[in-house]
């Protein structure tokens, strides 16, 4: 097995470990208010998906990512977070 072949599983394991660490930090920073949280790391890109009740919670999620990737400065961050609650039903009075 070549050195390149040995390096691929290690890189994938490192990406998965970073995904779990980022997800944990986001849950901690947002107090679990980000629903449907999904974090993917691929090479130099971090993608965060989910639903937030406010832009403030979205910003907390971003800060959670920056807590872990900012020191390296080599990673890009893509937030795919839907902000706002579920649409109100037509029959509900406010």
N, C-alpha and C. Protein backbone atom coordinates (compact mmCIF):
# COMPACT_ATOMS: atom_id res chain seq x y z
N UNK A 1 0.85 -1.17 0.00
CA UNK A 1 0.00 0.00 0.00
C UNK A 1 0.90 1.24 0.00
N UNK A 2 0.60 2.18 -0.88
CA UNK A 2 1.43 3.38 -0.98
C UNK A 2 1.09 4.37 0.13
N UNK A 3 1.94 5.35 0.30
CA UNK A 3 1.72 6.37 1.32
C UNK A 3 0.46 7.17 1.02
N UNK A 4 0.17 7.38 -0.28
CA UNK A 4 -1.04 8.12 -0.64
C UNK A 4 -2.29 7.36 -0.24
N UNK A 5 -2.28 6.04 -0.44
CA UNK A 5 -3.45 5.24 -0.09
C UNK A 5 -3.65 5.22 1.42
N UNK A 6 -2.57 5.21 2.18
CA UNK A 6 -2.69 5.24 3.62
C UNK A 6 -3.18 6.59 4.12
N UNK A 7 -2.84 7.65 3.41
CA UNK A 7 -3.22 9.00 3.82
C UNK A 7 -4.69 9.29 3.64
N UNK A 8 -5.35 8.65 2.66
CA UNK A 8 -6.76 8.93 2.40
C UNK A 8 -7.66 8.57 3.57
N UNK A 9 -7.54 7.37 4.14
CA UNK A 9 -8.41 7.08 5.30
C UNK A 9 -8.13 8.02 6.47
N UNK A 10 -6.90 8.39 6.67
CA UNK A 10 -6.58 9.30 7.77
C UNK A 10 -7.21 10.66 7.55
N UNK A 11 -7.19 11.13 6.30
CA UNK A 11 -7.81 12.42 5.99
C UNK A 11 -9.32 12.36 6.21
N UNK A 12 -9.95 11.27 5.79
CA UNK A 12 -11.39 11.11 5.97
C UNK A 12 -11.74 11.05 7.46
N UNK A 13 -10.92 10.35 8.24
CA UNK A 13 -11.15 10.27 9.68
C UNK A 13 -11.00 11.64 10.33
N UNK A 14 -10.02 12.41 9.88
CA UNK A 14 -9.81 13.76 10.42
C UNK A 14 -10.99 14.66 10.09
N UNK A 15 -11.52 14.54 8.86
CA UNK A 15 -12.68 15.35 8.47
C UNK A 15 -13.90 14.97 9.31
N UNK A 16 -14.11 13.68 9.55
CA UNK A 16 -15.24 13.24 10.36
C UNK A 16 -15.10 13.72 11.80
N UNK A 17 -13.89 13.68 12.32
CA UNK A 17 -13.66 14.16 13.68
C UNK A 17 -13.94 15.66 13.77
N UNK A 18 -13.52 16.41 12.76
CA UNK A 18 -13.78 17.85 12.74
C UNK A 18 -15.27 18.13 12.62
N UNK A 19 -15.98 17.35 11.80
CA UNK A 19 -17.43 17.49 11.68
C UNK A 19 -18.11 17.32 13.04
N UNK A 20 -17.72 16.28 13.76
CA UNK A 20 -18.32 16.02 15.08
C UNK A 20 -17.98 17.14 16.07
N UNK A 21 -16.75 17.62 16.02
CA UNK A 21 -16.34 18.69 16.93
C UNK A 21 -17.12 19.98 16.63
N UNK A 22 -17.26 20.31 15.35
CA UNK A 22 -17.99 21.53 14.97
C UNK A 22 -19.45 21.40 15.37
N UNK A 23 -20.04 20.23 15.10
CA UNK A 23 -21.45 20.02 15.45
C UNK A 23 -21.65 20.19 16.96
N UNK A 24 -20.75 19.63 17.75
CA UNK A 24 -20.85 19.77 19.20
C UNK A 24 -20.72 21.22 19.65
N UNK A 25 -19.79 21.94 19.04
CA UNK A 25 -19.58 23.35 19.42
C UNK A 25 -20.80 24.18 19.03
N UNK A 26 -21.38 23.91 17.85
CA UNK A 26 -22.58 24.65 17.43
C UNK A 26 -23.73 24.37 18.39
N UNK A 27 -23.92 23.11 18.76
CA UNK A 27 -25.00 22.77 19.71
C UNK A 27 -24.78 23.49 21.04
N UNK A 28 -23.53 23.55 21.47
CA UNK A 28 -23.20 24.22 22.73
C UNK A 28 -23.49 25.72 22.62
N UNK A 29 -23.01 26.36 21.57
CA UNK A 29 -23.16 27.81 21.42
C UNK A 29 -24.62 28.22 21.22
N UNK A 30 -25.42 27.40 20.53
CA UNK A 30 -26.81 27.76 20.23
C UNK A 30 -27.78 27.18 21.26
N UNK A 31 -27.27 26.48 22.25
CA UNK A 31 -28.12 25.83 23.25
C UNK A 31 -29.13 24.90 22.59
N UNK A 32 -28.72 24.26 21.49
CA UNK A 32 -29.56 23.29 20.81
C UNK A 32 -30.72 23.90 20.03
N UNK A 33 -30.67 25.20 19.78
CA UNK A 33 -31.78 25.87 19.08
C UNK A 33 -31.70 25.76 17.57
N UNK A 34 -30.65 25.16 17.04
CA UNK A 34 -30.54 24.96 15.59
C UNK A 34 -31.09 23.57 15.28
N UNK A 35 -32.18 23.52 14.54
CA UNK A 35 -32.84 22.25 14.24
C UNK A 35 -32.29 21.66 12.94
N UNK A 36 -32.28 20.35 12.85
CA UNK A 36 -31.83 19.67 11.64
C UNK A 36 -30.37 19.95 11.31
N UNK A 37 -29.56 20.10 12.34
CA UNK A 37 -28.15 20.46 12.15
C UNK A 37 -27.41 19.35 11.41
N UNK A 38 -26.69 19.75 10.37
CA UNK A 38 -25.84 18.83 9.61
C UNK A 38 -24.56 19.58 9.26
N UNK A 39 -23.43 18.98 9.58
CA UNK A 39 -22.13 19.58 9.29
C UNK A 39 -21.36 18.64 8.39
N UNK A 40 -20.81 19.18 7.30
CA UNK A 40 -19.97 18.39 6.40
C UNK A 40 -18.66 19.13 6.20
N UNK A 41 -17.57 18.39 6.22
CA UNK A 41 -16.25 18.96 5.97
C UNK A 41 -15.65 18.21 4.79
N UNK A 42 -15.19 18.96 3.82
CA UNK A 42 -14.57 18.36 2.64
C UNK A 42 -13.39 19.23 2.24
N UNK A 43 -12.21 18.70 2.41
CA UNK A 43 -10.96 19.40 2.09
C UNK A 43 -10.90 20.73 2.84
N UNK A 44 -11.11 21.85 2.14
CA UNK A 44 -10.99 23.16 2.77
C UNK A 44 -12.34 23.86 2.93
N UNK A 45 -13.44 23.09 2.93
CA UNK A 45 -14.78 23.67 2.99
C UNK A 45 -15.57 23.04 4.13
N UNK A 46 -16.20 23.90 4.94
CA UNK A 46 -17.12 23.47 6.00
C UNK A 46 -18.52 23.93 5.59
N UNK A 47 -19.46 23.00 5.51
CA UNK A 47 -20.84 23.31 5.15
C UNK A 47 -21.72 23.01 6.36
N UNK A 48 -22.51 24.01 6.77
CA UNK A 48 -23.42 23.86 7.91
C UNK A 48 -24.84 24.07 7.40
N UNK A 49 -25.71 23.08 7.64
CA UNK A 49 -27.11 23.15 7.23
C UNK A 49 -28.00 23.02 8.46
N UNK A 50 -29.17 23.64 8.39
CA UNK A 50 -30.13 23.52 9.47
C UNK A 50 -31.15 24.64 9.43
N UNK A 51 -31.96 24.72 10.48
CA UNK A 51 -32.99 25.75 10.61
C UNK A 51 -32.82 26.45 11.95
N UNK A 52 -32.81 27.78 11.90
CA UNK A 52 -32.63 28.58 13.11
C UNK A 52 -33.86 29.47 13.33
N UNK A 53 -34.25 29.69 14.58
CA UNK A 53 -35.41 30.55 14.84
C UNK A 53 -35.12 32.03 14.63
N UNK A 54 -33.83 32.41 14.57
CA UNK A 54 -33.49 33.82 14.41
C UNK A 54 -32.10 33.95 13.78
N UNK A 55 -31.82 35.15 13.29
CA UNK A 55 -30.49 35.41 12.74
C UNK A 55 -29.42 35.37 13.83
N UNK A 56 -29.81 35.69 15.04
CA UNK A 56 -28.87 35.62 16.16
C UNK A 56 -28.36 34.19 16.34
N UNK A 57 -29.27 33.22 16.28
CA UNK A 57 -28.87 31.81 16.41
C UNK A 57 -27.98 31.41 15.24
N UNK A 58 -28.28 31.92 14.06
CA UNK A 58 -27.42 31.65 12.90
C UNK A 58 -26.00 32.19 13.15
N UNK A 59 -25.92 33.37 13.72
CA UNK A 59 -24.61 33.96 14.01
C UNK A 59 -23.88 33.17 15.09
N UNK A 60 -24.61 32.65 16.07
CA UNK A 60 -23.99 31.81 17.09
C UNK A 60 -23.42 30.54 16.45
N UNK A 61 -24.15 29.99 15.48
CA UNK A 61 -23.66 28.80 14.77
C UNK A 61 -22.36 29.12 14.03
N UNK A 62 -22.33 30.26 13.36
CA UNK A 62 -21.12 30.67 12.65
C UNK A 62 -19.95 30.82 13.63
N UNK A 63 -20.21 31.42 14.77
CA UNK A 63 -19.13 31.58 15.76
C UNK A 63 -18.63 30.23 16.26
N UNK A 64 -19.54 29.28 16.37
CA UNK A 64 -19.13 27.93 16.77
C UNK A 64 -18.17 27.31 15.77
N UNK A 65 -18.42 27.54 14.49
CA UNK A 65 -17.50 27.05 13.45
C UNK A 65 -16.17 27.78 13.57
N UNK A 66 -16.22 29.10 13.69
CA UNK A 66 -14.99 29.89 13.76
C UNK A 66 -14.15 29.54 14.98
N UNK A 67 -14.80 29.11 16.06
CA UNK A 67 -14.05 28.70 17.25
C UNK A 67 -13.05 27.60 16.92
N UNK A 68 -13.41 26.74 15.96
CA UNK A 68 -12.58 25.57 15.67
C UNK A 68 -11.73 25.69 14.41
N UNK A 69 -12.15 26.51 13.45
CA UNK A 69 -11.39 26.55 12.20
C UNK A 69 -10.62 27.86 12.00
N UNK A 70 -10.90 28.87 12.77
CA UNK A 70 -10.25 30.17 12.58
C UNK A 70 -8.73 30.12 12.74
N UNK A 71 -8.20 29.37 13.70
CA UNK A 71 -6.74 29.39 13.85
C UNK A 71 -5.99 28.97 12.58
N UNK A 72 -6.53 28.03 11.83
CA UNK A 72 -5.84 27.61 10.60
C UNK A 72 -6.03 28.64 9.50
N UNK A 73 -7.20 29.25 9.43
CA UNK A 73 -7.47 30.28 8.43
C UNK A 73 -7.54 29.77 7.01
N UNK A 74 -7.38 28.47 6.80
CA UNK A 74 -7.33 27.93 5.45
C UNK A 74 -8.67 27.35 5.00
N UNK A 75 -9.69 27.38 5.86
CA UNK A 75 -10.97 26.75 5.50
C UNK A 75 -12.01 27.80 5.15
N UNK A 76 -12.83 27.44 4.16
CA UNK A 76 -13.97 28.27 3.79
C UNK A 76 -15.19 27.74 4.53
N UNK A 77 -16.15 28.62 4.80
CA UNK A 77 -17.36 28.25 5.53
C UNK A 77 -18.57 28.61 4.69
N UNK A 78 -19.48 27.65 4.55
CA UNK A 78 -20.72 27.89 3.82
C UNK A 78 -21.88 27.58 4.77
N UNK A 79 -22.70 28.59 5.05
CA UNK A 79 -23.87 28.40 5.91
C UNK A 79 -25.11 28.25 5.05
N UNK A 80 -25.78 27.13 5.18
CA UNK A 80 -27.07 26.90 4.52
C UNK A 80 -28.11 26.74 5.61
N UNK A 81 -28.34 27.84 6.32
CA UNK A 81 -29.25 27.81 7.47
C UNK A 81 -30.49 28.62 7.12
N UNK A 82 -31.63 27.98 7.22
CA UNK A 82 -32.91 28.64 7.00
C UNK A 82 -33.29 29.34 8.30
N UNK A 83 -33.59 30.62 8.22
CA UNK A 83 -33.91 31.40 9.41
C UNK A 83 -35.41 31.67 9.45
N UNK A 84 -36.01 31.47 10.62
CA UNK A 84 -37.42 31.75 10.81
C UNK A 84 -38.16 30.48 11.19
N UNK A 85 -39.28 30.68 11.81
CA UNK A 85 -40.07 29.55 12.25
C UNK A 85 -40.89 28.98 11.10
N UNK A 86 -41.66 27.94 11.39
CA UNK A 86 -42.51 27.35 10.35
C UNK A 86 -43.61 28.34 9.97
N UNK A 87 -44.07 28.28 8.71
CA UNK A 87 -45.13 29.20 8.30
C UNK A 87 -46.40 28.97 9.12
N UNK A 88 -47.09 30.06 9.42
CA UNK A 88 -48.33 29.96 10.19
C UNK A 88 -49.44 29.39 9.33
N UNK A 89 -50.31 28.59 9.94
CA UNK A 89 -51.43 28.02 9.19
C UNK A 89 -52.46 29.12 8.94
N UNK A 90 -53.21 28.98 7.87
CA UNK A 90 -54.18 30.01 7.46
C UNK A 90 -55.31 30.16 8.46
N UNK A 91 -55.66 29.10 9.19
CA UNK A 91 -56.79 29.16 10.10
C UNK A 91 -56.45 29.68 11.48
N UNK A 92 -55.21 29.98 11.74
CA UNK A 92 -54.80 30.39 13.09
C UNK A 92 -54.86 31.90 13.26
N UNK A 93 -55.54 32.36 14.28
CA UNK A 93 -55.63 33.80 14.56
C UNK A 93 -54.44 34.23 15.39
N UNK A 94 -54.02 35.46 15.18
CA UNK A 94 -52.89 35.98 15.95
C UNK A 94 -53.37 36.95 16.98
